[in-house]
Amino acid sequence: MSNQKLQLPLQTLSLVVGFMVWVILSSLMPFIKEDIDLTMGQVSWVTAVPVILGSILRVPIGYWTNRFGARWIFLISLIFLIFPVYYISIANSFIGLIIAGLFIGVGGAIFSTGVTSLPKYFPKERHGFVNGIYGVGNIGTALTAFAAPIIAGQFGWEVTVRLLIIPLILFALLNFFFGDRNEPKVSTSLNNQIKAVYLNQKLWFLSLFYFLTFGSFVAFTVYLPNFLVSEFNLTEVDAGLRTAGFIALCTLIRPLGGWLGDKFDPFKILILVFTGLTLSGVLLSFSPTMTLYTVGTLTVAICSGIGNGTIFKLVPFYFSKQGGIVNGIVAAMGGLGGFFPPLMLSTVFSLTGHYAIGFMALSQFALASLIIVIWMYYTDKLKLSNEIVENTGQGVMVTDTKGFITNVNKAFTEVTGYTAEEALGEKTKILSSGYHTADFYQSMWDELDKNRYWQGDIWNKRKNGEVYHEWLTISAIEGDEGEIIKYVGIFSDISNEKSSEN
């Protein structure tokens, strides 16, 4: 296997290790709080804090990956994580856990390394699937959620934490020896890259989408272990198994989201995703039973997993030259999406005694995202249609039913001499040559009314008064009720052809 082909499995497994570290506090919290006296509010902060650095650092890490390559970023990050991991194992206070938790956020931040690096090795039509495969690295959170409580039950949570140092050292060495030393680099300054994208509304829409989909994944990952123990009186191991099931489903379905984004229109996939999240948020708001709660949670897993894979198909589609910084910003917003919900749920519960309002907020965020996706979908279709019309070689003129011109393209100006500003709002008679009788035009309109279509050659007049011969096709556009709402004329100058015939 060539060195380049090694990058996908190497980077994916490195992400697995990073994510194993990232969620160690939330996975072991039921054990930690037996030894360290923590309030419910402090538990929420300890489990949420790793998300902060894990989110904020994704922006510079995406940039640094383009600048220095994934090999060095993974190597440095994995070595750095050894220190906060060890510090967690000896922490004995709330402050100690907060400090250590902040720095293990690096384990989540390295996500933007792979989504920036890996597309360099594959064609665009496979970017969605490749990033989906890389996203399976999220399974590291499931491994920790599943295995950590079991190991902690046998050997204690301190030993369980220290065991993570072994894979950190192993994969730091693997990246040193097998990471791609020749990865293509991008040296544009961070400031210039941010200036090039920060005003683009698509960046912030994609960030909102990932804030919701990946944020849901992170939030449920850090919130479920302790919630299932306290709300449903499950054992720590049972809660860990259920959390691992949520993570595994969300993670393993992510490549499907990437593949669907490659195969079909990504916007249509996201419409389904946010519809599902909207409905699941409502269900979780009114589900007192474990069965209904499980259905709602698994729906979140499926929808967020597919959404996570699909969204990163759109990043290189819109930002091929600023992929590193945009991947970092979008990924950072996703991480922050996992920081706020646990704190919000904890606050809501302390004020109301239940979580319904928090889950309803998920539903409303999903509904807002659904509306934006639908708007983007139809805006892109309209933009594509306009680009096709604008760049076609034939003249195009759109009129209302009374003959007033509402749209023209560049070729219209080239043939007639009228600019768009001069033509819009005028009647088509500005092009009339005077060569045709009223009966000719009446016959044309009669055929349009009958067949919704007319085609033939006609004499028209340019802005400078020159009469020319054109081949004209007029199509009537119908509304939903079958009534004509506009006419589209497509024409080309055939004066030279007529001259050669004569």
Protein backbone atom coordinates (compact mmCIF):
# COMPACT_ATOMS: atom_id res chain seq x y z
CA MET A 1 0.00 0.00 0.00
CA SER A 2 1.41 3.42 -1.02
CA ASN A 3 2.03 6.11 1.56
CA GLN A 4 -0.86 8.19 0.19
CA LYS A 5 -3.30 5.28 0.46
CA LEU A 6 -2.29 4.89 4.11
CA GLN A 7 -3.50 8.38 4.99
CA LEU A 8 -7.22 7.60 5.19
CA PRO A 9 -6.90 4.68 7.67
CA LEU A 10 -4.06 6.37 9.58
CA GLN A 11 -5.87 9.67 10.02
CA THR A 12 -9.18 7.96 10.81
CA LEU A 13 -7.60 5.81 13.55
CA SER A 14 -5.76 8.85 14.92
CA LEU A 15 -9.12 10.59 15.19
CA VAL A 16 -10.49 7.54 17.03
CA VAL A 17 -7.78 7.97 19.68
CA GLY A 18 -8.37 11.71 19.93
CA PHE A 19 -12.09 11.23 20.46
CA MET A 20 -11.48 8.47 23.01
CA VAL A 21 -9.62 11.04 25.09
CA TRP A 22 -12.10 13.85 24.39
CA VAL A 23 -15.03 12.18 26.17
CA ILE A 24 -13.22 10.41 28.99
CA LEU A 25 -14.59 12.76 31.66
CA SER A 26 -18.24 12.41 30.66
CA SER A 27 -17.91 8.62 30.29
CA LEU A 28 -16.41 8.23 33.77
CA MET A 29 -18.39 10.97 35.52
CA PRO A 30 -20.63 8.52 37.48
CA PHE A 31 -17.41 7.08 39.02
CA ILE A 32 -15.55 10.39 39.39
CA LYS A 33 -18.31 12.08 41.35
CA GLU A 34 -18.23 9.24 43.89
CA ASP A 35 -14.68 10.31 44.82
CA ILE A 36 -14.89 14.05 44.14
CA ASP A 37 -17.81 15.97 45.61
CA LEU A 38 -19.51 17.76 42.68
CA THR A 39 -22.85 19.53 42.38
CA MET A 40 -25.09 18.94 39.35
CA GLY A 41 -24.01 22.29 37.96
CA GLN A 42 -20.33 21.41 38.40
CA VAL A 43 -20.87 18.05 36.70
CA SER A 44 -22.37 19.88 33.71
CA TRP A 45 -19.38 22.23 33.52
CA VAL A 46 -16.80 19.44 33.81
CA THR A 47 -18.43 17.45 31.00
CA ALA A 48 -18.98 20.51 28.82
CA VAL A 49 -15.59 22.25 29.19
CA PRO A 50 -13.61 19.79 26.98
CA VAL A 51 -15.82 20.92 24.13
CA ILE A 52 -14.56 24.53 24.40
CA LEU A 53 -10.96 24.03 23.29
CA GLY A 54 -12.08 21.13 21.11
CA SER A 55 -14.19 23.62 19.20
CA ILE A 56 -12.19 26.83 19.18
CA LEU A 57 -8.94 25.12 18.15
CA ARG A 58 -10.57 23.56 15.09
CA VAL A 59 -10.22 26.85 13.21
CA PRO A 60 -6.42 27.24 13.54
CA ILE A 61 -5.89 23.48 13.27
CA GLY A 62 -7.70 23.45 9.92
CA TYR A 63 -5.45 26.28 8.79
CA TRP A 64 -2.26 24.69 10.22
CA THR A 65 -3.10 21.43 8.47
CA ASN A 66 -3.10 23.21 5.12
CA ARG A 67 0.12 25.02 6.10
CA PHE A 68 2.17 22.18 7.63
CA GLY A 69 0.38 18.94 6.74
CA ALA A 70 -1.64 16.42 8.76
CA ARG A 71 1.45 14.45 9.81
CA TRP A 72 2.81 17.18 12.08
CA ILE A 73 -0.58 18.27 13.41
CA PHE A 74 -1.57 14.75 14.50
CA LEU A 75 1.90 14.06 15.91
CA ILE A 76 2.04 17.22 18.05
CA SER A 77 -1.59 16.96 19.17
CA LEU A 78 -1.34 13.33 20.32
CA ILE A 79 1.86 13.99 22.27
CA PHE A 80 0.33 17.08 23.88
CA LEU A 81 -2.71 15.08 25.06
CA ILE A 82 -0.53 12.82 27.23
CA PHE A 83 -0.12 15.59 29.83
CA PRO A 84 -3.78 16.52 30.52
CA VAL A 85 -4.74 12.82 30.45
CA TYR A 86 -2.25 12.06 33.21
CA TYR A 87 -3.36 15.15 35.15
CA ILE A 88 -6.99 13.94 35.12
CA SER A 89 -5.90 10.69 36.78
CA ILE A 90 -4.46 12.58 39.76
CA ALA A 91 -7.08 15.37 39.94
CA ASN A 92 -8.97 15.59 43.24
CA SER A 93 -11.05 18.75 42.88
CA PHE A 94 -13.52 20.52 40.62
CA ILE A 95 -10.87 23.03 39.53
CA GLY A 96 -8.42 20.24 38.65
CA LEU A 97 -11.00 18.53 36.48
CA ILE A 98 -11.86 21.83 34.75
CA ILE A 99 -8.19 22.56 33.94
CA ALA A 100 -7.52 19.05 32.62
CA GLY A 101 -10.85 18.96 30.78
CA LEU A 102 -10.07 22.18 28.97
CA PHE A 103 -6.86 20.78 27.49
CA ILE A 104 -8.18 17.36 26.51
CA GLY A 105 -10.35 19.37 24.15
CA VAL A 106 -7.41 19.03 21.74
CA GLY A 107 -8.63 15.47 21.20
CA GLY A 108 -11.78 16.82 19.60
CA ALA A 109 -10.05 19.69 17.78
CA ILE A 110 -8.00 17.37 15.57
CA PHE A 111 -11.18 16.49 13.69
CA SER A 112 -10.57 19.42 11.32
CA THR A 113 -7.16 17.94 10.40
CA GLY A 114 -8.54 15.03 8.40
CA VAL A 115 -11.43 16.87 6.72
CA THR A 116 -8.85 19.38 5.48
CA SER A 117 -6.12 16.92 4.50
CA LEU A 118 -7.91 13.89 3.04
CA PRO A 119 -9.80 15.60 0.17
CA LYS A 120 -6.37 16.35 -1.35
CA TYR A 121 -5.97 12.64 -2.12
CA PHE A 122 -9.35 11.97 -3.76
CA PRO A 123 -11.47 13.37 -6.64
CA LYS A 124 -14.31 15.77 -5.78
CA GLU A 125 -17.04 13.26 -6.54
CA ARG A 126 -15.77 11.13 -3.63
CA HIS A 127 -15.18 13.87 -1.05
CA GLY A 128 -18.47 13.26 0.74
CA PHE A 129 -17.85 9.53 1.16
CA VAL A 130 -14.17 10.00 2.14
CA ASN A 131 -15.02 12.56 4.81
CA GLY A 132 -17.79 10.23 5.93
CA ILE A 133 -15.28 7.40 6.38
CA TYR A 134 -12.96 9.72 8.28
CA GLY A 135 -15.88 10.79 10.44
CA VAL A 136 -16.18 7.18 11.62
CA GLY A 137 -13.33 8.22 13.89
CA ASN A 138 -16.14 9.50 16.12
CA ILE A 139 -16.47 5.85 17.14
CA GLY A 140 -13.68 6.64 19.63
CA THR A 141 -16.33 8.24 21.82
CA ALA A 142 -18.34 5.00 21.69
CA LEU A 143 -15.29 2.92 22.63
CA THR A 144 -14.69 5.11 25.67
CA ALA A 145 -18.37 5.20 26.64
CA PHE A 146 -18.56 1.41 26.40
CA ALA A 147 -15.19 0.29 27.77
CA ALA A 148 -14.30 2.96 30.31
CA PRO A 149 -17.09 2.15 32.80
CA ILE A 150 -16.33 -1.57 32.60
CA ILE A 151 -12.59 -1.07 33.18
CA ALA A 152 -13.26 1.51 35.90
CA GLY A 153 -15.52 -0.96 37.67
CA GLN A 154 -12.60 -3.41 37.87
CA PHE A 155 -9.54 -1.22 38.30
CA GLY A 156 -10.78 2.25 39.22
CA TRP A 157 -11.31 5.35 37.10
CA GLU A 158 -7.78 6.66 37.64
CA VAL A 159 -6.18 3.58 36.05
CA THR A 160 -8.72 3.70 33.24
CA VAL A 161 -7.69 7.24 32.37
CA ARG A 162 -3.96 6.42 32.42
CA LEU A 163 -4.49 3.54 29.98
CA LEU A 164 -5.26 6.12 27.27
CA ILE A 165 -1.61 7.17 27.29
CA ILE A 166 -0.72 3.93 25.46
CA PRO A 167 -2.72 4.58 22.23
CA LEU A 168 -1.63 8.24 22.33
CA ILE A 169 2.05 7.26 22.20
CA LEU A 170 1.41 4.51 19.63
CA PHE A 171 -0.38 6.73 17.12
CA ALA A 172 2.02 9.61 17.61
CA LEU A 173 4.76 7.22 16.47
CA LEU A 174 2.66 5.89 13.57
CA ASN A 175 2.08 9.42 12.31
CA PHE A 176 5.76 10.22 12.62
CA PHE A 177 6.80 7.22 10.53
CA PHE A 178 3.86 6.86 8.11
CA GLY A 179 2.33 10.34 7.85
CA ASP A 180 2.65 11.90 4.41
CA ARG A 181 5.75 14.12 4.34
CA ASN A 182 4.83 15.35 0.83
CA GLU A 183 1.24 16.46 1.45
CA PRO A 184 0.40 19.52 -0.72
CA LYS A 185 0.64 22.67 1.37
CA VAL A 186 -1.29 25.96 1.22
CA SER A 187 0.62 29.00 2.47
CA THR A 188 -2.00 31.77 2.24
CA SER A 189 -2.11 33.70 5.51
CA LEU A 190 -4.84 32.95 8.04
CA ASN A 191 -5.97 36.58 7.96
CA ASN A 192 -6.39 36.58 4.17
CA GLN A 193 -8.30 33.29 4.20
CA ILE A 194 -10.71 34.57 6.86
CA LYS A 195 -11.25 37.81 4.93
CA ALA A 196 -12.06 35.77 1.82
CA VAL A 197 -14.88 33.82 3.46
CA TYR A 198 -16.29 35.52 6.54
CA LEU A 199 -18.88 37.57 4.62
CA ASN A 200 -20.12 34.55 2.69
CA GLN A 201 -23.53 33.63 4.10
CA LYS A 202 -23.12 30.00 2.98
CA LEU A 203 -20.26 29.62 5.48
CA TRP A 204 -22.53 30.59 8.35
CA PHE A 205 -25.44 28.51 7.10
CA LEU A 206 -23.20 25.44 6.93
CA SER A 207 -21.88 26.32 10.38
CA LEU A 208 -25.43 26.48 11.73
CA PHE A 209 -26.24 23.10 10.18
CA TYR A 210 -23.17 21.47 11.69
CA PHE A 211 -23.76 23.27 14.98
CA LEU A 212 -27.01 21.32 15.13
CA THR A 213 -26.03 17.92 13.70
CA PHE A 214 -22.58 17.45 15.25
CA GLY A 215 -23.61 19.45 18.29
CA SER A 216 -26.45 17.00 18.88
CA PHE A 217 -23.99 14.13 18.64
CA VAL A 218 -21.54 15.70 21.12
CA ALA A 219 -24.26 16.90 23.48
CA PHE A 220 -25.94 13.50 23.74
CA THR A 221 -22.55 11.82 24.08
CA VAL A 222 -21.56 13.88 27.13
CA TYR A 223 -25.06 14.14 28.55
CA LEU A 224 -26.43 10.60 28.28
CA PRO A 225 -24.21 8.65 30.74
CA ASN A 226 -25.01 10.79 33.76
CA PHE A 227 -28.60 11.52 32.65
CA LEU A 228 -29.54 7.86 32.24
CA VAL A 229 -28.19 7.07 35.69
CA SER A 230 -29.93 9.97 37.43
CA GLU A 231 -33.21 10.08 35.45
CA PHE A 232 -33.90 6.38 34.80
CA ASN A 233 -31.86 4.84 37.65
CA LEU A 234 -29.75 2.71 35.31
CA THR A 235 -26.40 1.31 36.40
CA GLU A 236 -23.25 3.05 35.21
CA VAL A 237 -22.39 0.12 32.92
CA ASP A 238 -25.91 -0.02 31.44
CA ALA A 239 -25.88 3.73 30.82
CA GLY A 240 -22.46 3.41 29.19
CA LEU A 241 -23.69 0.62 26.90
CA ARG A 242 -26.71 2.64 25.80
CA THR A 243 -24.56 5.71 25.20
CA ALA A 244 -22.12 3.59 23.19
CA GLY A 245 -25.05 2.34 21.10
CA PHE A 246 -26.11 5.92 20.35
CA ILE A 247 -22.56 6.90 19.40
CA ALA A 248 -21.99 3.79 17.27
CA LEU A 249 -25.20 4.30 15.30
CA CYS A 250 -24.52 8.00 14.75
CA THR A 251 -20.92 7.34 13.74
CA LEU A 252 -21.31 4.29 11.53
CA ILE A 253 -24.12 5.91 9.56
CA ARG A 254 -21.97 8.96 8.83
CA PRO A 255 -20.33 7.46 5.69
CA LEU A 256 -23.85 6.81 4.40
CA GLY A 257 -24.53 10.53 4.75
CA GLY A 258 -21.36 11.30 2.78
CA TRP A 259 -22.27 8.75 0.10
CA LEU A 260 -25.80 10.14 -0.18
CA GLY A 261 -24.31 13.63 -0.55
CA ASP A 262 -22.14 12.36 -3.43
CA LYS A 263 -24.96 10.40 -5.06
CA PHE A 264 -27.90 12.79 -4.68
CA ASP A 265 -28.54 16.50 -4.12
CA PRO A 266 -27.06 17.23 -0.63
CA PHE A 267 -29.80 19.76 0.07
CA LYS A 268 -32.52 17.14 -0.35
CA ILE A 269 -30.70 14.90 2.13
CA LEU A 270 -30.45 17.76 4.63
CA ILE A 271 -34.17 18.48 4.24
CA LEU A 272 -34.86 14.93 5.44
CA VAL A 273 -32.27 15.25 8.21
CA PHE A 274 -33.71 18.41 9.73
CA THR A 275 -37.26 17.15 9.36
CA GLY A 276 -36.25 14.10 11.43
CA LEU A 277 -34.48 16.22 14.06
CA THR A 278 -37.50 18.52 14.34
CA LEU A 279 -39.84 15.59 14.99
CA SER A 280 -37.44 13.84 17.38
CA GLY A 281 -37.05 17.03 19.44
CA VAL A 282 -40.81 17.19 19.86
CA LEU A 283 -40.96 13.50 20.81
CA LEU A 284 -38.22 13.88 23.44
CA SER A 285 -40.08 16.84 24.93
CA PHE A 286 -43.09 14.65 25.71
CA SER A 287 -41.61 11.19 26.29
CA PRO A 288 -41.64 10.14 29.95
CA THR A 289 -41.08 6.45 29.16
CA MET A 290 -37.77 4.76 28.38
CA THR A 291 -39.20 3.31 25.13
CA LEU A 292 -40.27 6.66 23.66
CA TYR A 293 -37.11 8.30 24.90
CA THR A 294 -35.05 5.59 23.17
CA VAL A 295 -36.93 6.08 19.88
CA GLY A 296 -36.35 9.84 20.00
CA THR A 297 -32.67 9.48 20.88
CA LEU A 298 -31.99 6.93 18.12
CA THR A 299 -33.75 9.20 15.62
CA VAL A 300 -31.37 11.96 16.65
CA ALA A 301 -28.46 9.54 16.13
CA ILE A 302 -29.57 8.59 12.61
CA CYS A 303 -30.36 12.13 11.48
CA SER A 304 -27.27 13.76 12.98
CA GLY A 305 -25.03 10.99 11.61
CA ILE A 306 -26.33 11.40 8.06
CA GLY A 307 -26.23 15.18 8.41
CA ASN A 308 -22.63 15.14 9.65
CA GLY A 309 -21.55 13.21 6.56
CA THR A 310 -23.54 15.31 4.10
CA ILE A 311 -22.53 18.78 5.32
CA PHE A 312 -18.83 18.23 4.64
CA LYS A 313 -19.71 17.34 1.06
CA LEU A 314 -20.89 20.95 0.65
CA VAL A 315 -17.76 22.61 2.09
CA PRO A 316 -15.38 21.83 -0.83
CA PHE A 317 -18.31 22.39 -3.22
CA TYR A 318 -18.59 26.04 -2.18
CA PHE A 319 -15.06 26.72 -0.87
CA SER A 320 -12.51 24.84 -2.96
CA LYS A 321 -9.74 27.41 -2.33
CA GLN A 322 -10.36 28.02 1.39
CA GLY A 323 -11.14 24.47 2.47
CA GLY A 324 -8.83 24.49 5.50
CA ILE A 325 -10.19 27.60 7.20
CA VAL A 326 -13.82 26.86 6.28
CA ASN A 327 -13.57 23.26 7.50
CA GLY A 328 -12.11 24.63 10.72
CA ILE A 329 -14.87 27.21 11.23
CA VAL A 330 -17.69 24.78 10.41
CA ALA A 331 -16.16 22.07 12.60
CA ALA A 332 -15.66 24.59 15.44
CA MET A 333 -19.31 25.58 15.33
CA GLY A 334 -20.24 21.91 15.47
CA GLY A 335 -18.15 21.45 18.57
CA LEU A 336 -19.68 24.51 20.22
CA GLY A 337 -23.04 22.96 19.42
CA GLY A 338 -22.11 20.28 21.93
CA PHE A 339 -21.01 22.73 24.62
CA PHE A 340 -24.19 24.69 25.24
CA PRO A 341 -26.94 22.00 25.30
CA PRO A 342 -25.73 20.12 28.43
CA LEU A 343 -25.46 23.40 30.33
CA MET A 344 -28.84 24.54 29.02
CA LEU A 345 -30.47 21.23 29.94
CA SER A 346 -28.98 21.41 33.42
CA THR A 347 -30.22 24.99 33.89
CA VAL A 348 -33.67 24.15 32.53
CA PHE A 349 -33.93 21.15 34.85
CA SER A 350 -32.90 23.17 37.90
CA LEU A 351 -35.57 25.79 37.09
CA THR A 352 -38.45 23.57 35.95
CA GLY A 353 -37.72 20.06 37.20
CA HIS A 354 -37.79 18.56 33.68
CA TYR A 355 -35.98 18.75 30.32
CA ALA A 356 -38.92 19.41 27.97
CA ILE A 357 -38.00 23.03 27.17
CA GLY A 358 -34.42 22.04 26.27
CA PHE A 359 -35.56 19.35 23.85
CA MET A 360 -38.14 21.69 22.35
CA ALA A 361 -35.27 24.12 21.66
CA LEU A 362 -33.59 21.34 19.66
CA SER A 363 -36.79 20.97 17.66
CA GLN A 364 -37.00 24.70 16.96
CA PHE A 365 -33.34 24.95 15.89
CA ALA A 366 -33.92 22.02 13.55
CA LEU A 367 -37.04 23.65 12.12
CA ALA A 368 -35.15 26.89 11.48
CA SER A 369 -32.37 24.93 9.74
CA LEU A 370 -34.98 23.09 7.66
CA ILE A 371 -36.40 26.40 6.43
CA ILE A 372 -32.91 27.69 5.53
CA VAL A 373 -32.01 24.48 3.66
CA ILE A 374 -35.20 24.68 1.61
CA TRP A 375 -34.45 28.32 0.82
CA MET A 376 -30.84 27.46 -0.20
CA TYR A 377 -32.07 24.59 -2.36
CA TYR A 378 -34.43 26.72 -4.40
CA THR A 379 -32.02 29.67 -4.48
CA ASP A 380 -29.29 27.44 -5.95
CA LYS A 381 -31.71 26.07 -8.55
CA LEU A 382 -32.74 29.59 -9.50
CA LYS A 383 -29.11 30.71 -9.66
CA LEU A 384 -28.25 27.76 -11.90
CA SER A 385 -31.18 28.52 -14.18
CA ASN A 386 -30.14 32.18 -14.38
CA GLU A 387 -26.54 31.22 -15.17
CA ILE A 388 -27.69 28.91 -17.95
CA VAL A 389 -29.88 31.66 -19.42
CA GLU A 390 -27.19 34.32 -18.97
CA ASN A 391 -24.43 32.32 -20.63
CA THR A 392 -26.32 30.66 -23.49
CA GLY A 393 -25.24 31.74 -26.95
CA GLN A 394 -28.76 32.59 -28.09
CA GLY A 395 -30.66 35.70 -27.16
CA VAL A 396 -33.25 35.20 -24.41
CA MET A 397 -36.11 37.56 -23.61
CA VAL A 398 -38.78 36.98 -20.95
CA THR A 399 -42.03 38.98 -20.98
CA ASP A 400 -45.19 39.12 -18.93
CA THR A 401 -48.57 38.38 -20.45
CA LYS A 402 -48.98 42.02 -21.51
CA GLY A 403 -45.74 42.02 -23.51
CA PHE A 404 -43.54 43.95 -21.08
CA ILE A 405 -39.94 42.70 -20.98
CA THR A 406 -38.95 41.33 -17.53
CA ASN A 407 -35.59 39.64 -18.21
CA VAL A 408 -32.93 39.43 -20.92
CA ASN A 409 -29.45 37.91 -21.19
CA LYS A 410 -26.08 39.03 -22.59
CA ALA A 411 -26.77 37.58 -26.05
CA PHE A 412 -29.94 39.69 -26.26
CA THR A 413 -27.81 42.82 -25.86
CA GLU A 414 -25.24 41.59 -28.40
CA VAL A 415 -27.93 40.99 -31.04
CA THR A 416 -30.28 43.93 -30.42
CA GLY A 417 -27.94 46.56 -29.01
CA TYR A 418 -30.27 47.22 -26.06
CA THR A 419 -28.77 46.82 -22.59
CA ALA A 420 -30.79 45.10 -19.88
CA GLU A 421 -31.44 48.48 -18.22
CA GLU A 422 -32.81 49.88 -21.49
CA ALA A 423 -34.97 46.87 -22.31
CA LEU A 424 -36.52 45.96 -18.95
CA GLY A 425 -39.99 47.41 -18.51
CA GLU A 426 -40.35 48.19 -22.22
CA LYS A 427 -42.80 46.48 -24.56
CA THR A 428 -41.53 44.10 -27.22
CA LYS A 429 -42.60 46.58 -29.87
CA ILE A 430 -39.23 48.33 -29.39
CA LEU A 431 -37.89 45.51 -31.58
CA SER A 432 -40.61 45.74 -34.18
CA SER A 433 -39.26 46.24 -37.72
CA GLY A 434 -42.56 47.27 -39.32
CA TYR A 435 -42.06 44.55 -41.93
CA HIS A 436 -44.93 42.37 -40.73
CA THR A 437 -48.66 42.93 -40.90
CA ALA A 438 -51.11 42.82 -37.99
CA ASP A 439 -52.41 39.53 -39.38
CA PHE A 440 -48.91 38.01 -39.01
CA TYR A 441 -48.77 38.87 -35.30
CA GLN A 442 -52.37 37.81 -34.73
CA SER A 443 -51.61 34.41 -36.26
CA MET A 444 -48.55 34.11 -33.97
CA TRP A 445 -50.56 34.83 -30.82
CA ASP A 446 -53.40 32.54 -31.86
CA GLU A 447 -50.93 29.67 -32.21
CA LEU A 448 -49.34 30.53 -28.85
CA ASP A 449 -52.74 30.48 -27.14
CA LYS A 450 -53.60 27.17 -28.75
CA ASN A 451 -50.29 25.25 -28.58
CA ARG A 452 -48.33 27.30 -26.00
CA TYR A 453 -45.53 27.41 -28.58
CA TRP A 454 -44.55 29.30 -31.76
CA GLN A 455 -41.47 29.07 -33.96
CA GLY A 456 -40.46 30.83 -37.15
CA ASP A 457 -38.29 33.48 -38.79
CA ILE A 458 -39.08 37.13 -38.27
CA TRP A 459 -37.67 40.56 -39.07
CA ASN A 460 -36.76 42.72 -36.07
CA LYS A 461 -34.96 46.02 -35.56
CA ARG A 462 -31.85 46.76 -33.52
CA LYS A 463 -31.40 49.81 -31.28
CA ASN A 464 -29.43 51.58 -34.05
CA GLY A 465 -32.34 51.14 -36.47
CA GLU A 466 -30.79 48.31 -38.47
CA VAL A 467 -33.30 45.63 -39.47
CA TYR A 468 -32.11 42.05 -39.15
CA HIS A 469 -33.48 38.55 -39.70
CA GLU A 470 -33.83 36.22 -36.70
CA TRP A 471 -35.05 32.72 -35.96
CA LEU A 472 -37.41 32.99 -33.00
CA THR A 473 -38.94 30.42 -30.66
CA ILE A 474 -41.59 31.58 -28.18
CA SER A 475 -42.80 29.34 -25.35
CA ALA A 476 -45.70 30.11 -23.02
CA ILE A 477 -44.96 29.37 -19.34
CA GLU A 478 -47.92 28.16 -17.32
CA GLY A 479 -48.68 28.60 -13.62
CA ASP A 480 -49.99 25.98 -11.22
CA GLU A 481 -53.57 26.49 -12.42
CA GLY A 482 -52.66 26.10 -16.09
CA GLU A 483 -52.86 29.83 -16.86
CA ILE A 484 -50.13 31.55 -18.87
CA ILE A 485 -47.94 33.66 -16.58
CA LYS A 486 -45.06 34.64 -18.90
CA TYR A 487 -43.52 34.12 -22.32
CA VAL A 488 -39.92 33.16 -23.08
CA GLY A 489 -38.46 34.02 -26.46
CA ILE A 490 -35.19 32.45 -27.63
CA PHE A 491 -33.70 33.84 -30.81
CA SER A 492 -30.58 34.00 -32.98
CA ASP A 493 -29.50 36.36 -35.75
CA ILE A 494 -29.71 34.55 -39.11
CA SER A 495 -29.13 37.58 -41.34
CA ASN A 496 -25.84 36.20 -42.67
CA GLU A 497 -27.42 32.84 -43.45
CA LYS A 498 -30.22 34.50 -45.37
CA SER A 499 -27.72 36.67 -47.27
CA SER A 500 -25.71 33.62 -48.36
CA GLU A 501 -28.88 31.89 -49.54
CA ASN A 502 -29.78 34.90 -51.66
